[in-house]
Amino acid sequence: MAPEIVLHKIYHNTDIWSIGIIIYLLYSNTFVFGCEELSYYYNITCRSRKNILIEKNIVGCSDNLKNIIIKCLIYNTNCRISANGLIKLINNI
């Protein structure tokens, strides 16, 4: 669930967050935040605006894949990659 959904807001690139979560899960075989309790998830996604946990588990992946995951999982929706930007990144791999 994207941070903005927890805050009851939806933006044009909310689904990009979900794509980043799926790519991360497929690569690392672990959940991004490793939690199932909603309050804990809320604290991580909405109060900590850093991708430290994400970067920790994708150390061994290619720079291109890391770049895609990190750009999809940017907290600030204004800075998160667009669908067109994501397609361009994927086509350049």
Protein backbone atom coordinates (compact mmCIF):
# COMPACT_ATOMS: atom_id res chain seq x y z
CA MET A 1 0.00 0.00 0.00
CA ALA A 2 1.43 3.34 -1.04
CA PRO A 3 2.01 5.91 1.73
CA GLU A 4 -0.52 8.27 0.20
CA ILE A 5 -3.25 5.64 0.44
CA VAL A 6 -2.58 5.30 4.17
CA LEU A 7 -3.16 9.05 4.31
CA HIS A 8 -6.38 8.65 2.26
CA LYS A 9 -4.99 10.43 -0.80
CA ILE A 10 -4.56 9.06 -4.31
CA TYR A 11 -2.35 10.53 -7.02
CA HIS A 12 -1.67 9.79 -10.67
CA ASN A 13 1.43 7.74 -9.81
CA THR A 14 0.16 5.80 -6.80
CA ASP A 15 0.31 2.56 -8.78
CA ILE A 16 4.00 3.16 -9.51
CA TRP A 17 4.66 2.52 -5.80
CA SER A 18 2.93 -0.86 -6.15
CA ILE A 19 5.06 -1.72 -9.17
CA GLY A 20 8.18 -0.92 -7.15
CA ILE A 21 6.99 -3.15 -4.30
CA ILE A 22 6.37 -6.04 -6.71
CA ILE A 23 9.77 -5.66 -8.41
CA TYR A 24 11.46 -5.46 -5.00
CA LEU A 25 9.63 -8.58 -3.78
CA LEU A 26 10.48 -10.55 -6.92
CA TYR A 27 14.15 -9.62 -6.67
CA SER A 28 14.77 -9.93 -2.94
CA ASN A 29 12.15 -12.55 -2.01
CA THR A 30 11.37 -10.45 1.08
CA PHE A 31 8.72 -7.92 1.92
CA VAL A 32 9.90 -4.34 1.74
CA PHE A 33 9.18 -3.50 5.36
CA GLY A 34 8.89 -7.00 6.79
CA CYS A 35 5.76 -6.25 8.77
CA GLU A 36 2.10 -7.06 8.70
CA GLU A 37 0.84 -4.72 11.41
CA LEU A 38 -0.75 -1.64 9.87
CA SER A 39 0.38 0.80 12.57
CA TYR A 40 4.02 -0.25 12.17
CA TYR A 41 3.73 0.02 8.39
CA TYR A 42 2.19 3.47 8.75
CA ASN A 43 5.08 4.67 10.90
CA ILE A 44 7.67 3.40 8.45
CA THR A 45 6.06 4.65 5.27
CA CYS A 46 4.59 7.95 6.42
CA ARG A 47 7.08 9.19 8.96
CA SER A 48 10.36 7.85 7.64
CA ARG A 49 10.76 9.24 4.16
CA LYS A 50 13.97 7.41 3.35
CA ASN A 51 14.64 4.28 1.37
CA ILE A 52 17.26 2.95 3.80
CA LEU A 53 15.45 -0.34 4.38
CA ILE A 54 14.90 -0.80 0.68
CA GLU A 55 18.50 -0.13 -0.33
CA LYS A 56 19.74 -2.53 2.37
CA ASN A 57 18.15 -5.57 0.72
CA ILE A 58 19.02 -4.80 -2.91
CA VAL A 59 22.76 -4.47 -2.48
CA GLY A 60 23.66 -7.20 -4.98
CA CYS A 61 21.37 -6.19 -7.83
CA SER A 62 22.35 -4.32 -10.96
CA ASP A 63 22.46 -0.54 -10.90
CA ASN A 64 19.62 -0.40 -13.44
CA LEU A 65 17.32 -2.55 -11.31
CA LYS A 66 18.25 -0.66 -8.15
CA ASN A 67 17.53 2.62 -9.90
CA ILE A 68 14.08 1.41 -11.01
CA ILE A 69 13.13 0.15 -7.54
CA ILE A 70 14.30 3.28 -5.75
CA LYS A 71 12.60 5.64 -8.21
CA CYS A 72 9.32 3.73 -7.85
CA LEU A 73 9.47 3.79 -4.05
CA ILE A 74 10.06 7.49 -3.50
CA TYR A 75 7.74 8.71 -0.75
CA ASN A 76 7.04 12.11 -2.29
CA THR A 77 4.59 11.57 -5.16
CA ASN A 78 5.88 14.72 -6.88
CA CYS A 79 9.34 13.17 -7.08
CA ARG A 80 8.29 9.58 -7.82
CA ILE A 81 8.92 8.40 -11.37
CA SER A 82 6.03 8.60 -13.83
CA ALA A 83 4.70 5.66 -15.86
CA ASN A 84 6.37 7.07 -18.98
CA GLY A 85 9.64 7.54 -17.12
CA LEU A 86 9.48 3.96 -15.86
CA ILE A 87 8.87 2.62 -19.37
CA LYS A 88 11.90 4.57 -20.63
CA LEU A 89 14.09 3.15 -17.85
CA ILE A 90 12.96 -0.40 -18.57
CA ASN A 91 13.53 0.02 -22.32
CA ASN A 92 17.09 1.20 -21.66
CA ILE A 93 18.10 -1.93 -19.77
